Amino acid sequence: MWTPDLTDSANALELTGELTLATVADWHQRLQAARRHGELPERIDLSGVDRADTSALALLLEIESWARAAGTSIRWTSPPHALRVLADLTQAAELLNWTNEDSAS
Protein backbone atom coordinates (compact mmCIF):
# COMPACT_ATOMS: atom_id res chain seq x y z
CA MET A 1 0.00 0.00 0.00
CA TRP A 2 1.01 3.64 -0.32
CA THR A 3 2.83 5.12 2.66
CA PRO A 4 5.72 7.26 1.36
CA ASP A 5 6.82 10.59 2.70
CA LEU A 6 6.24 12.88 -0.24
CA THR A 7 8.51 15.52 1.20
CA ASP A 8 11.65 13.38 1.18
CA SER A 9 14.81 14.86 -0.28
CA ALA A 10 14.48 12.93 -3.52
CA ASN A 11 10.95 14.33 -4.05
CA ALA A 12 9.97 10.93 -5.41
CA LEU A 13 7.10 8.53 -4.93
CA GLU A 14 6.80 4.83 -5.64
CA LEU A 15 3.40 3.46 -6.58
CA THR A 16 3.05 -0.20 -5.64
CA GLY A 17 0.49 -2.95 -5.89
CA GLU A 18 -2.62 -2.71 -8.01
CA LEU A 19 -3.73 0.29 -10.01
CA THR A 20 -7.13 -0.97 -11.07
CA LEU A 21 -10.73 0.15 -10.97
CA ALA A 22 -10.95 -1.36 -7.48
CA THR A 23 -8.05 0.71 -6.11
CA VAL A 24 -7.62 3.81 -8.25
CA ALA A 25 -10.18 5.91 -6.32
CA ASP A 26 -8.18 5.41 -3.12
CA TRP A 27 -4.93 6.29 -4.90
CA HIS A 28 -6.58 9.38 -6.36
CA GLN A 29 -7.82 10.51 -2.97
CA ARG A 30 -4.38 10.09 -1.37
CA LEU A 31 -2.56 11.85 -4.19
CA GLN A 32 -5.15 14.63 -4.25
CA ALA A 33 -4.49 15.21 -0.54
CA ALA A 34 -0.74 15.37 -1.22
CA ARG A 35 -1.39 17.83 -4.04
CA ARG A 36 -3.43 20.07 -1.73
CA HIS A 37 -0.45 20.18 0.61
CA GLY A 38 1.93 21.07 -2.23
CA GLU A 39 3.61 17.68 -2.07
CA LEU A 40 3.25 16.45 -5.64
CA PRO A 41 6.47 14.58 -6.40
CA GLU A 42 8.78 15.31 -9.33
CA ARG A 43 9.35 11.61 -10.03
CA ILE A 44 6.98 8.67 -9.76
CA ASP A 45 8.38 5.15 -9.92
CA LEU A 46 5.93 2.62 -11.35
CA SER A 47 8.16 -0.45 -11.00
CA GLY A 48 6.15 -1.71 -8.02
CA VAL A 49 2.85 -1.78 -9.90
CA ASP A 50 2.02 -5.43 -10.37
CA ARG A 51 -1.41 -5.04 -11.96
CA ALA A 52 -2.97 -2.16 -13.89
CA ASP A 53 -5.89 -1.46 -16.15
CA THR A 54 -7.15 1.54 -18.09
CA SER A 55 -8.29 3.25 -14.90
CA ALA A 56 -4.58 3.43 -13.99
CA LEU A 57 -3.98 5.46 -17.13
CA ALA A 58 -6.78 7.82 -16.13
CA LEU A 59 -5.10 8.34 -12.76
CA LEU A 60 -1.67 8.93 -14.27
CA LEU A 61 -3.09 11.38 -16.80
CA GLU A 62 -4.84 13.25 -13.97
CA ILE A 63 -1.59 13.49 -12.02
CA GLU A 64 0.18 14.71 -15.16
CA SER A 65 -2.50 17.39 -15.62
CA TRP A 66 -2.00 18.55 -12.03
CA ALA A 67 1.71 18.90 -12.64
CA ARG A 68 1.19 20.83 -15.87
CA ALA A 69 -1.29 23.15 -14.16
CA ALA A 70 1.37 23.81 -11.52
CA GLY A 71 3.94 24.56 -14.23
CA THR A 72 5.99 21.43 -13.59
CA SER A 73 6.18 17.93 -14.96
CA ILE A 74 6.31 14.41 -13.60
CA ARG A 75 9.13 12.07 -14.49
CA TRP A 76 7.59 8.61 -14.74
CA THR A 77 10.05 5.75 -14.29
CA SER A 78 9.84 2.01 -14.91
CA PRO A 79 6.27 1.60 -16.13
CA PRO A 80 5.41 -2.12 -16.20
CA HIS A 81 5.22 -3.67 -19.65
CA ALA A 82 1.44 -4.21 -19.56
CA LEU A 83 0.82 -0.59 -18.53
CA ARG A 84 3.20 0.61 -21.22
CA VAL A 85 1.30 -1.41 -23.84
CA LEU A 86 -2.00 0.11 -22.70
CA ALA A 87 -0.49 3.58 -22.83
CA ASP A 88 0.89 2.99 -26.32
CA LEU A 89 -2.42 1.62 -27.61
CA THR A 90 -4.39 4.56 -26.26
CA GLN A 91 -1.76 7.17 -27.16
CA ALA A 92 -1.50 8.06 -23.48
CA ALA A 93 2.25 7.38 -23.60
CA GLU A 94 2.71 10.58 -25.57
CA LEU A 95 0.59 12.56 -23.10
CA LEU A 96 2.67 11.16 -20.23
CA ASN A 97 5.89 11.97 -22.07
CA TRP A 98 6.98 8.34 -21.93
CA THR A 99 9.83 7.46 -24.18
CA ASN A 100 11.19 4.04 -25.08
CA GLU A 101 13.88 4.53 -22.46
CA ASP A 102 11.21 4.89 -19.76
CA SER A 103 10.02 1.33 -20.29
CA ALA A 104 13.52 0.06 -19.59
CA SER A 105 14.29 2.38 -16.64
PDB file of N, CA and C in Angstrom:
ATOM      1  N   MET A   1       0.826  -1.173   0.000  1.00  0.00           N
ATOM      2  CA  MET A   1       0.000   0.000   0.000  1.00  0.00           C
ATOM      3  C   MET A   1       0.876   1.243   0.000  1.00  0.00           C
ATOM      4  N   TRP A   2       0.299   2.383  -0.140  1.00  0.00           N
ATOM      5  CA  TRP A   2       1.012   3.637  -0.320  1.00  0.00           C
ATOM      6  C   TRP A   2       1.248   4.324   1.016  1.00  0.00           C
ATOM      7  N   THR A   3       2.517   4.444   1.400  1.00  0.00           N
ATOM      8  CA  THR A   3       2.832   5.123   2.655  1.00  0.00           C
ATOM      9  C   THR A   3       4.105   5.964   2.575  1.00  0.00           C
ATOM     10  N   PRO A   4       4.463   6.509   1.424  1.00  0.00           N
ATOM     11  CA  PRO A   4       5.720   7.263   1.357  1.00  0.00           C
ATOM     12  C   PRO A   4       5.600   8.661   1.954  1.00  0.00           C
ATOM     13  N   ASP A   5       6.735   9.195   2.292  1.00  0.00           N
ATOM     14  CA  ASP A   5       6.821  10.592   2.702  1.00  0.00           C
ATOM     15  C   ASP A   5       7.079  11.396   1.445  1.00  0.00           C
ATOM     16  N   LEU A   6       6.102  12.141   1.020  1.00  0.00           N
ATOM     17  CA  LEU A   6       6.235  12.878  -0.237  1.00  0.00           C
ATOM     18  C   LEU A   6       7.166  14.073  -0.133  1.00  0.00           C
ATOM     19  N   THR A   7       7.620  14.378   1.048  1.00  0.00           N
ATOM     20  CA  THR A   7       8.515  15.523   1.205  1.00  0.00           C
ATOM     21  C   THR A   7       9.965  15.092   1.352  1.00  0.00           C
ATOM     22  N   ASP A   8      10.257  13.825   1.036  1.00  0.00           N
ATOM     23  CA  ASP A   8      11.646  13.382   1.184  1.00  0.00           C
ATOM     24  C   ASP A   8      12.555  14.144   0.233  1.00  0.00           C
ATOM     25  N   SER A   9      13.845  14.049   0.469  1.00  0.00           N
ATOM     26  CA  SER A   9      14.807  14.861  -0.280  1.00  0.00           C
ATOM     27  C   SER A   9      14.826  14.532  -1.763  1.00  0.00           C
ATOM     28  N   ALA A  10      14.471  13.314  -2.118  1.00  0.00           N
ATOM     29  CA  ALA A  10      14.475  12.931  -3.524  1.00  0.00           C
ATOM     30  C   ALA A  10      13.229  13.425  -4.246  1.00  0.00           C
ATOM     31  N   ASN A  11      12.223  13.884  -3.486  1.00  0.00           N
ATOM     32  CA  ASN A  11      10.949  14.325  -4.053  1.00  0.00           C
ATOM     33  C   ASN A  11      10.404  13.290  -5.028  1.00  0.00           C
ATOM     34  N   ALA A  12      10.401  12.040  -4.577  1.00  0.00           N
ATOM     35  CA  ALA A  12       9.968  10.930  -5.412  1.00  0.00           C
ATOM     36  C   ALA A  12       8.917  10.103  -4.678  1.00  0.00           C
ATOM     37  N   LEU A  13       8.152   9.379  -5.444  1.00  0.00           N
ATOM     38  CA  LEU A  13       7.099   8.528  -4.926  1.00  0.00           C
ATOM     39  C   LEU A  13       7.127   7.217  -5.685  1.00  0.00           C
ATOM     40  N   GLU A  14       6.904   6.130  -4.981  1.00  0.00           N
ATOM     41  CA  GLU A  14       6.801   4.830  -5.636  1.00  0.00           C
ATOM     42  C   GLU A  14       5.372   4.338  -5.489  1.00  0.00           C
ATOM     43  N   LEU A  15       4.720   4.061  -6.610  1.00  0.00           N
ATOM     44  CA  LEU A  15       3.397   3.456  -6.581  1.00  0.00           C
ATOM     45  C   LEU A  15       3.586   1.952  -6.604  1.00  0.00           C
ATOM     46  N   THR A  16       2.894   1.254  -5.722  1.00  0.00           N
ATOM     47  CA  THR A  16       3.050  -0.196  -5.641  1.00  0.00           C
ATOM     48  C   THR A  16       1.692  -0.879  -5.612  1.00  0.00           C
ATOM     49  N   GLY A  17       1.712  -2.163  -5.943  1.00  0.00           N
ATOM     50  CA  GLY A  17       0.490  -2.954  -5.888  1.00  0.00           C
ATOM     51  C   GLY A  17      -0.364  -2.791  -7.127  1.00  0.00           C
ATOM     52  N   GLU A  18      -1.667  -2.798  -6.904  1.00  0.00           N
ATOM     53  CA  GLU A  18      -2.616  -2.706  -8.010  1.00  0.00           C
ATOM     54  C   GLU A  18      -3.040  -1.277  -8.280  1.00  0.00           C
ATOM     55  N   LEU A  19      -3.117  -0.949  -9.546  1.00  0.00           N
ATOM     56  CA  LEU A  19      -3.729   0.295 -10.012  1.00  0.00           C
ATOM     57  C   LEU A  19      -4.865  -0.134 -10.930  1.00  0.00           C
ATOM     58  N   THR A  20      -5.975  -0.464 -10.321  1.00  0.00           N
ATOM     59  CA  THR A  20      -7.126  -0.973 -11.066  1.00  0.00           C
ATOM     60  C   THR A  20      -8.375  -0.207 -10.648  1.00  0.00           C
ATOM     61  N   LEU A  21      -9.467  -0.500 -11.299  1.00  0.00           N
ATOM     62  CA  LEU A  21     -10.728   0.148 -10.974  1.00  0.00           C
ATOM     63  C   LEU A  21     -11.056   0.003  -9.486  1.00  0.00           C
ATOM     64  N   ALA A  22     -10.666  -1.121  -8.902  1.00  0.00           N
ATOM     65  CA  ALA A  22     -10.950  -1.361  -7.484  1.00  0.00           C
ATOM     66  C   ALA A  22     -10.103  -0.502  -6.546  1.00  0.00           C
ATOM     67  N   THR A  23      -8.961  -0.011  -6.997  1.00  0.00           N
ATOM     68  CA  THR A  23      -8.048   0.714  -6.106  1.00  0.00           C
ATOM     69  C   THR A  23      -7.764   2.153  -6.516  1.00  0.00           C
ATOM     70  N   VAL A  24      -8.059   2.506  -7.740  1.00  0.00           N
ATOM     71  CA  VAL A  24      -7.625   3.807  -8.252  1.00  0.00           C
ATOM     72  C   VAL A  24      -8.296   4.980  -7.528  1.00  0.00           C
ATOM     73  N   ALA A  25      -9.523   4.813  -7.045  1.00  0.00           N
ATOM     74  CA  ALA A  25     -10.177   5.910  -6.322  1.00  0.00           C
ATOM     75  C   ALA A  25      -9.426   6.231  -5.023  1.00  0.00           C
ATOM     76  N   ASP A  26      -8.957   5.194  -4.336  1.00  0.00           N
ATOM     77  CA  ASP A  26      -8.179   5.405  -3.118  1.00  0.00           C
ATOM     78  C   ASP A  26      -6.857   6.100  -3.430  1.00  0.00           C
ATOM     79  N   TRP A  27      -6.180   5.639  -4.469  1.00  0.00           N
ATOM     80  CA  TRP A  27      -4.928   6.285  -4.895  1.00  0.00           C
ATOM     81  C   TRP A  27      -5.183   7.750  -5.235  1.00  0.00           C
ATOM     82  N   HIS A  28      -6.255   8.006  -5.955  1.00  0.00           N
ATOM     83  CA  HIS A  28      -6.581   9.377  -6.359  1.00  0.00           C
ATOM     84  C   HIS A  28      -6.794  10.259  -5.137  1.00  0.00           C
ATOM     85  N   GLN A  29      -7.543   9.752  -4.180  1.00  0.00           N
ATOM     86  CA  GLN A  29      -7.818  10.510  -2.966  1.00  0.00           C
ATOM     87  C   GLN A  29      -6.529  10.842  -2.213  1.00  0.00           C
ATOM     88  N   ARG A  30      -5.647   9.872  -2.084  1.00  0.00           N
ATOM     89  CA  ARG A  30      -4.380  10.089  -1.370  1.00  0.00           C
ATOM     90  C   ARG A  30      -3.481  11.083  -2.105  1.00  0.00           C
ATOM     91  N   LEU A  31      -3.406  10.938  -3.411  1.00  0.00           N
ATOM     92  CA  LEU A  31      -2.561  11.851  -4.187  1.00  0.00           C
ATOM     93  C   LEU A  31      -3.166  13.248  -4.243  1.00  0.00           C
ATOM     94  N   GLN A  32      -4.475  13.329  -4.269  1.00  0.00           N
ATOM     95  CA  GLN A  32      -5.152  14.632  -4.248  1.00  0.00           C
ATOM     96  C   GLN A  32      -4.842  15.343  -2.935  1.00  0.00           C
ATOM     97  N   ALA A  33      -4.831  14.609  -1.836  1.00  0.00           N
ATOM     98  CA  ALA A  33      -4.489  15.206  -0.536  1.00  0.00           C
ATOM     99  C   ALA A  33      -3.052  15.719  -0.547  1.00  0.00           C
ATOM    100  N   ALA A  34      -2.139  14.931  -1.117  1.00  0.00           N
ATOM    101  CA  ALA A  34      -0.743  15.369  -1.223  1.00  0.00           C
ATOM    102  C   ALA A  34      -0.646  16.626  -2.069  1.00  0.00           C
ATOM    103  N   ARG A  35      -1.401  16.656  -3.145  1.00  0.00           N
ATOM    104  CA  ARG A  35      -1.395  17.828  -4.036  1.00  0.00           C
ATOM    105  C   ARG A  35      -1.868  19.067  -3.289  1.00  0.00           C
ATOM    106  N   ARG A  36      -2.917  18.931  -2.501  1.00  0.00           N
ATOM    107  CA  ARG A  36      -3.432  20.075  -1.734  1.00  0.00           C
ATOM    108  C   ARG A  36      -2.403  20.615  -0.758  1.00  0.00           C
ATOM    109  N   HIS A  37      -1.500  19.753  -0.313  1.00  0.00           N
ATOM    110  CA  HIS A  37      -0.445  20.177   0.611  1.00  0.00           C
ATOM    111  C   HIS A  37       0.838  20.576  -0.127  1.00  0.00           C
ATOM    112  N   GLY A  38       0.764  20.675  -1.455  1.00  0.00           N
ATOM    113  CA  GLY A  38       1.929  21.071  -2.228  1.00  0.00           C
ATOM    114  C   GLY A  38       3.012  20.018  -2.274  1.00  0.00           C
ATOM    115  N   GLU A  39       2.639  18.753  -2.150  1.00  0.00           N
ATOM    116  CA  GLU A  39       3.610  17.677  -2.072  1.00  0.00           C
ATOM    117  C   GLU A  39       3.598  16.765  -3.300  1.00  0.00           C
ATOM    118  N   LEU A  40       3.215  17.265  -4.435  1.00  0.00           N
ATOM    119  CA  LEU A  40       3.246  16.454  -5.645  1.00  0.00           C
ATOM    120  C   LEU A  40       4.701  16.180  -6.009  1.00  0.00           C
ATOM    121  N   PRO A  41       5.061  14.904  -6.145  1.00  0.00           N
ATOM    122  CA  PRO A  41       6.469  14.576  -6.395  1.00  0.00           C
ATOM    123  C   PRO A  41       6.907  14.933  -7.813  1.00  0.00           C
ATOM    124  N   GLU A  42       8.219  15.055  -8.000  1.00  0.00           N
ATOM    125  CA  GLU A  42       8.780  15.312  -9.329  1.00  0.00           C
ATOM    126  C   GLU A  42       8.952  14.019 -10.111  1.00  0.00           C
ATOM    127  N   ARG A  43       9.135  12.895  -9.376  1.00  0.00           N
ATOM    128  CA  ARG A  43       9.354  11.606 -10.028  1.00  0.00           C
ATOM    129  C   ARG A  43       8.445  10.578  -9.392  1.00  0.00           C
ATOM    130  N   ILE A  44       7.813   9.757 -10.245  1.00  0.00           N
ATOM    131  CA  ILE A  44       6.980   8.665  -9.758  1.00  0.00           C
ATOM    132  C   ILE A  44       7.476   7.372 -10.381  1.00  0.00           C
ATOM    133  N   ASP A  45       7.870   6.453  -9.508  1.00  0.00           N
ATOM    134  CA  ASP A  45       8.380   5.147  -9.921  1.00  0.00           C
ATOM    135  C   ASP A  45       7.212   4.165  -9.983  1.00  0.00           C
ATOM    136  N   LEU A  46       7.029   3.554 -11.136  1.00  0.00           N
ATOM    137  CA  LEU A  46       5.928   2.619 -11.349  1.00  0.00           C
ATOM    138  C   LEU A  46       6.377   1.161 -11.316  1.00  0.00           C
ATOM    139  N   SER A  47       7.629   0.920 -10.963  1.00  0.00           N
ATOM    140  CA  SER A  47       8.162  -0.448 -11.004  1.00  0.00           C
ATOM    141  C   SER A  47       7.453  -1.394 -10.041  1.00  0.00           C
ATOM    142  N   GLY A  48       6.839  -0.877  -8.994  1.00  0.00           N
ATOM    143  CA  GLY A  48       6.149  -1.710  -8.019  1.00  0.00           C
ATOM    144  C   GLY A  48       4.705  -2.015  -8.362  1.00  0.00           C
ATOM    145  N   VAL A  49       4.230  -1.505  -9.485  1.00  0.00           N
ATOM    146  CA  VAL A  49       2.852  -1.778  -9.900  1.00  0.00           C
ATOM    147  C   VAL A  49       2.811  -3.177 -10.507  1.00  0.00           C
ATOM    148  N   ASP A  50       2.059  -4.062  -9.855  1.00  0.00           N
ATOM    149  CA  ASP A  50       2.020  -5.426 -10.369  1.00  0.00           C
ATOM    150  C   ASP A  50       0.757  -5.741 -11.168  1.00  0.00           C
ATOM    151  N   ARG A  51      -0.205  -4.844 -11.155  1.00  0.00           N
ATOM    152  CA  ARG A  51      -1.412  -5.036 -11.961  1.00  0.00           C
ATOM    153  C   ARG A  51      -2.009  -3.672 -12.252  1.00  0.00           C
ATOM    154  N   ALA A  52      -2.395  -3.452 -13.506  1.00  0.00           N
ATOM    155  CA  ALA A  52      -2.966  -2.160 -13.889  1.00  0.00           C
ATOM    156  C   ALA A  52      -3.979  -2.359 -15.003  1.00  0.00           C
ATOM    157  N   ASP A  53      -4.932  -1.455 -15.062  1.00  0.00           N
ATOM    158  CA  ASP A  53      -5.893  -1.459 -16.151  1.00  0.00           C
ATOM    159  C   ASP A  53      -6.038  -0.025 -16.660  1.00  0.00           C
ATOM    160  N   THR A  54      -7.015   0.211 -17.494  1.00  0.00           N
ATOM    161  CA  THR A  54      -7.149   1.544 -18.091  1.00  0.00           C
ATOM    162  C   THR A  54      -7.460   2.620 -17.057  1.00  0.00           C
ATOM    163  N   SER A  55      -8.045   2.240 -15.928  1.00  0.00           N
ATOM    164  CA  SER A  55      -8.287   3.248 -14.896  1.00  0.00           C
ATOM    165  C   SER A  55      -6.960   3.779 -14.346  1.00  0.00           C
ATOM    166  N   ALA A  56      -5.908   2.966 -14.395  1.00  0.00           N
ATOM    167  CA  ALA A  56      -4.580   3.428 -13.990  1.00  0.00           C
ATOM    168  C   ALA A  56      -4.121   4.557 -14.901  1.00  0.00           C
ATOM    169  N   LEU A  57      -4.365   4.400 -16.191  1.00  0.00           N
ATOM    170  CA  LEU A  57      -3.983   5.464 -17.131  1.00  0.00           C
ATOM    171  C   LEU A  57      -4.730   6.751 -16.825  1.00  0.00           C
ATOM    172  N   ALA A  58      -6.009   6.625 -16.482  1.00  0.00           N
ATOM    173  CA  ALA A  58      -6.780   7.818 -16.131  1.00  0.00           C
ATOM    174  C   ALA A  58      -6.161   8.525 -14.931  1.00  0.00           C
ATOM    175  N   LEU A  59      -5.748   7.756 -13.934  1.00  0.00           N
ATOM    176  CA  LEU A  59      -5.104   8.340 -12.756  1.00  0.00           C
ATOM    177  C   LEU A  59      -3.791   9.023 -13.121  1.00  0.00           C
ATOM    178  N   LEU A  60      -2.962   8.350 -13.899  1.00  0.00           N
ATOM    179  CA  LEU A  60      -1.667   8.926 -14.273  1.00  0.00           C
ATOM    180  C   LEU A  60      -1.847  10.190 -15.103  1.00  0.00           C
ATOM    181  N   LEU A  61      -2.829  10.185 -15.992  1.00  0.00           N
ATOM    182  CA  LEU A  61      -3.093  11.382 -16.796  1.00  0.00           C
ATOM    183  C   LEU A  61      -3.599  12.533 -15.924  1.00  0.00           C
ATOM    184  N   GLU A  62      -4.377  12.217 -14.902  1.00  0.00           N
ATOM    185  CA  GLU A  62      -4.839  13.245 -13.969  1.00  0.00           C
ATOM    186  C   GLU A  62      -3.658  13.855 -13.215  1.00  0.00           C
ATOM    187  N   ILE A  63      -2.773  13.005 -12.732  1.00  0.00           N
ATOM    188  CA  ILE A  63      -1.586  13.492 -12.022  1.00  0.00           C
ATOM    189  C   ILE A  63      -0.746  14.366 -12.947  1.00  0.00           C
ATOM    190  N   GLU A  64      -0.580  13.925 -14.174  1.00  0.00           N
ATOM    191  CA  GLU A  64       0.175  14.709 -15.164  1.00  0.00           C
ATOM    192  C   GLU A  64      -0.483  16.072 -15.370  1.00  0.00           C
ATOM    193  N   SER A  65      -1.811  16.101 -15.422  1.00  0.00           N
ATOM    194  CA  SER A  65      -2.502  17.386 -15.622  1.00  0.00           C
ATOM    195  C   SER A  65      -2.312  18.301 -14.417  1.00  0.00           C
ATOM    196  N   TRP A  66      -2.263  17.738 -13.213  1.00  0.00           N
ATOM    197  CA  TRP A  66      -1.996  18.554 -12.026  1.00  0.00           C
ATOM    198  C   TRP A  66      -0.619  19.187 -12.118  1.00  0.00           C
ATOM    199  N   ALA A  67       0.344  18.399 -12.531  1.00  0.00           N
ATOM    200  CA  ALA A  67       1.714  18.904 -12.640  1.00  0.00           C
ATOM    201  C   ALA A  67       1.787  20.022 -13.676  1.00  0.00           C
ATOM    202  N   ARG A  68       1.171  19.795 -14.816  1.00  0.00           N
ATOM    203  CA  ARG A  68       1.190  20.825 -15.871  1.00  0.00           C
ATOM    204  C   ARG A  68       0.522  22.110 -15.403  1.00  0.00           C
ATOM    205  N   ALA A  69      -0.593  21.964 -14.680  1.00  0.00           N
ATOM    206  CA  ALA A  69      -1.291  23.150 -14.159  1.00  0.00           C
ATOM    207  C   ALA A  69      -0.417  23.913 -13.167  1.00  0.00           C
ATOM    208  N   ALA A  70       0.456  23.189 -12.482  1.00  0.00           N
ATOM    209  CA  ALA A  70       1.371  23.809 -11.520  1.00  0.00           C
ATOM    210  C   ALA A  70       2.658  24.303 -12.184  1.00  0.00           C
ATOM    211  N   GLY A  71       2.758  24.104 -13.503  1.00  0.00           N
ATOM    212  CA  GLY A  71       3.940  24.561 -14.229  1.00  0.00           C
ATOM    213  C   GLY A  71       5.131  23.643 -14.100  1.00  0.00           C
ATOM    214  N   THR A  72       4.903  22.394 -13.713  1.00  0.00           N
ATOM    215  CA  THR A  72       5.988  21.426 -13.586  1.00  0.00           C
ATOM    216  C   THR A  72       5.664  20.193 -14.432  1.00  0.00           C
ATOM    217  N   SER A  73       6.454  19.180 -14.275  1.00  0.00           N
ATOM    218  CA  SER A  73       6.177  17.926 -14.964  1.00  0.00           C
ATOM    219  C   SER A  73       6.558  16.771 -14.051  1.00  0.00           C
ATOM    220  N   ILE A  74       6.010  15.628 -14.344  1.00  0.00           N
ATOM    221  CA  ILE A  74       6.307  14.406 -13.599  1.00  0.00           C
ATOM    222  C   ILE A  74       7.257  13.573 -14.442  1.00  0.00           C
ATOM    223  N   ARG A  75       8.259  13.027 -13.812  1.00  0.00           N
ATOM    224  CA  ARG A  75       9.132  12.070 -14.491  1.00  0.00           C
ATOM    225  C   ARG A  75       8.673  10.688 -14.051  1.00  0.00           C
ATOM    226  N   TRP A  76       8.098   9.951 -14.989  1.00  0.00           N
ATOM    227  CA  TRP A  76       7.594   8.610 -14.735  1.00  0.00           C
ATOM    228  C   TRP A  76       8.723   7.625 -15.010  1.00  0.00           C
ATOM    229  N   THR A  77       8.997   6.723 -14.064  1.00  0.00           N
ATOM    230  CA  THR A  77      10.048   5.746 -14.291  1.00  0.00           C
ATOM    231  C   THR A  77       9.500   4.329 -14.169  1.00  0.00           C
ATOM    232  N   SER A  78      10.079   3.457 -14.953  1.00  0.00           N
ATOM    233  CA  SER A  78       9.838   2.009 -14.907  1.00  0.00           C
ATOM    234  C   SER A  78       8.381   1.581 -15.007  1.00  0.00           C
ATOM    235  N   PRO A  79       7.644   2.096 -15.990  1.00  0.00           N
ATOM    236  CA  PRO A  79       6.275   1.600 -16.129  1.00  0.00           C
ATOM    237  C   PRO A  79       6.292   0.118 -16.500  1.00  0.00           C
ATOM    238  N   PRO A  80       5.463  -0.707 -15.859  1.00  0.00           N
ATOM    239  CA  PRO A  80       5.412  -2.122 -16.201  1.00  0.00           C
ATOM    240  C   PRO A  80       5.015  -2.313 -17.667  1.00  0.00           C
ATOM    241  N   HIS A  81       5.456  -3.408 -18.232  1.00  0.00           N
ATOM    242  CA  HIS A  81       5.217  -3.665 -19.655  1.00  0.00           C
ATOM    243  C   HIS A  81       3.732  -3.575 -20.018  1.00  0.00           C
ATOM    244  N   ALA A  82       2.866  -4.204 -19.239  1.00  0.00           N
ATOM    245  CA  ALA A  82       1.435  -4.208 -19.558  1.00  0.00           C
ATOM    246  C   ALA A  82       0.861  -2.790 -19.543  1.00  0.00           C
ATOM    247  N   LEU A  83       1.293  -1.975 -18.595  1.00  0.00           N
ATOM    248  CA  LEU A  83       0.821  -0.594 -18.529  1.00  0.00           C
ATOM    249  C   LEU A  83       1.364   0.204 -19.705  1.00  0.00           C
ATOM    250  N   ARG A  84       2.592  -0.062 -20.064  1.00  0.00           N
ATOM    251  CA  ARG A  84       3.196   0.615 -21.217  1.00  0.00           C
ATOM    252  C   ARG A  84       2.449   0.270 -22.504  1.00  0.00           C
ATOM    253  N   VAL A  85       2.067  -0.990 -22.661  1.00  0.00           N
ATOM    254  CA  VAL A  85       1.304  -1.411 -23.843  1.00  0.00           C
ATOM    255  C   VAL A  85      -0.042  -0.684 -23.885  1.00  0.00           C
ATOM    256  N   LEU A  86      -0.737  -0.625 -22.749  1.00  0.00           N
ATOM    257  CA  LEU A  86      -2.004   0.108 -22.699  1.00  0.00           C
ATOM    258  C   LEU A  86      -1.807   1.577 -23.075  1.00  0.00           C
ATOM    259  N   ALA A  87      -0.769   2.173 -22.541  1.00  0.00           N
ATOM    260  CA  ALA A  87      -0.492   3.582 -22.826  1.00  0.00           C
ATOM    261  C   ALA A  87      -0.182   3.794 -24.305  1.00  0.00           C
ATOM    262  N   ASP A  88       0.579   2.878 -24.894  1.00  0.00           N
ATOM    263  CA  ASP A  88       0.890   2.986 -26.316  1.00  0.00           C
ATOM    264  C   ASP A  88      -0.359   2.834 -27.168  1.00  0.00           C
ATOM    265  N   LEU A  89      -1.208   1.874 -26.832  1.00  0.00           N
ATOM    266  CA  LEU A  89      -2.422   1.618 -27.608  1.00  0.00           C
ATOM    267  C   LEU A  89      -3.406   2.782 -27.554  1.00  0.00           C
ATOM    268  N   THR A  90      -3.439   3.457 -26.436  1.00  0.00           N
ATOM    269  CA  THR A  90      -4.390   4.556 -26.259  1.00  0.00           C
ATOM    270  C   THR A  90      -3.781   5.929 -26.542  1.00  0.00           C
ATOM    271  N   GLN A  91      -2.536   5.952 -26.909  1.00  0.00           N
ATOM    272  CA  GLN A  91      -1.764   7.172 -27.159  1.00  0.00           C
ATOM    273  C   GLN A  91      -1.555   8.004 -25.904  1.00  0.00           C
ATOM    274  N   ALA A  92      -1.762   7.381 -24.744  1.00  0.00           N
ATOM    275  CA  ALA A  92      -1.504   8.063 -23.476  1.00  0.00           C
ATOM    276  C   ALA A  92      -0.010   8.193 -23.221  1.00  0.00           C
ATOM    277  N   ALA A  93       0.797   7.312 -23.797  1.00  0.00           N
ATOM    278  CA  ALA A  93       2.253   7.378 -23.598  1.00  0.00           C
ATOM    279  C   ALA A  93       2.786   8.739 -24.018  1.00  0.00           C
ATOM    280  N   GLU A  94       2.275   9.263 -25.108  1.00  0.00           N
ATOM    281  CA  GLU A  94       2.708  10.580 -25.574  1.00  0.00           C
ATOM    282  C   GLU A  94       2.282  11.666 -24.585  1.00  0.00           C
ATOM    283  N   LEU A  95       1.080  11.572 -24.056  1.00  0.00           N
ATOM    284  CA  LEU A  95       0.591  12.563 -23.096  1.00  0.00           C
ATOM    285  C   LEU A  95       1.363  12.512 -21.778  1.00  0.00           C
ATOM    286  N   LEU A  96       1.879  11.327 -21.450  1.00  0.00           N
ATOM    287  CA  LEU A  96       2.666  11.155 -20.227  1.00  0.00           C
ATOM    288  C   LEU A  96       4.156  11.400 -20.462  1.00  0.00           C
ATOM    289  N   ASN A  97       4.505  11.744 -21.680  1.00  0.00           N
ATOM    290  CA  ASN A  97       5.895  11.970 -22.070  1.00  0.00           C
ATOM    291  C   ASN A  97       6.765  10.755 -21.837  1.00  0.00           C
ATOM    292  N   TRP A  98       6.191   9.573 -22.046  1.00  0.00           N
ATOM    293  CA  TRP A  98       6.975   8.340 -21.927  1.00  0.00           C
ATOM    294  C   TRP A  98       7.742   8.111 -23.193  1.00  0.00           C
ATOM    295  N   THR A  99       8.997   7.804 -23.046  1.00  0.00           N
ATOM    296  CA  THR A  99       9.829   7.459 -24.184  1.00  0.00           C
ATOM    297  C   THR A  99      10.169   5.984 -24.084  1.00  0.00           C
ATOM    298  N   ASN A 100      10.792   5.444 -25.106  1.00  0.00           N
ATOM    299  CA  ASN A 100      11.190   4.042 -25.077  1.00  0.00           C
ATOM    300  C   ASN A 100      12.133   3.755 -23.925  1.00  0.00           C
ATOM    301  N   GLU A 101      12.951   4.724 -23.554  1.00  0.00           N
ATOM    302  CA  GLU A 101      13.879   4.528 -22.455  1.00  0.00           C
ATOM    303  C   GLU A 101      13.134   4.346 -21.137  1.00  0.00           C
ATOM    304  N   ASP A 102      11.969   5.001 -20.995  1.00  0.00           N
ATOM    305  CA  ASP A 102      11.208   4.893 -19.762  1.00  0.00           C
ATOM    306  C   ASP A 102      10.805   3.446 -19.472  1.00  0.00           C
ATOM    307  N   SER A 103      10.486   2.696 -20.509  1.00  0.00           N
ATOM    308  CA  SER A 103      10.022   1.332 -20.288  1.00  0.00           C
ATOM    309  C   SER A 103      11.145   0.422 -19.835  1.00  0.00           C
ATOM    310  N   ALA A 104      12.373   0.860 -20.030  1.00  0.00           N
ATOM    311  CA  ALA A 104      13.515   0.059 -19.595  1.00  0.00           C
ATOM    312  C   ALA A 104      14.111   0.570 -18.296  1.00  0.00           C
ATOM    313  N   SER A 105      13.706   1.756 -17.846  1.00  0.00           N
ATOM    314  CA  SER A 105      14.291   2.379 -16.640  1.00  0.00           C
ATOM    315  C   SER A 105      13.946   1.614 -15.391  1.00  0.00           C
TER     316      SER A 105
END
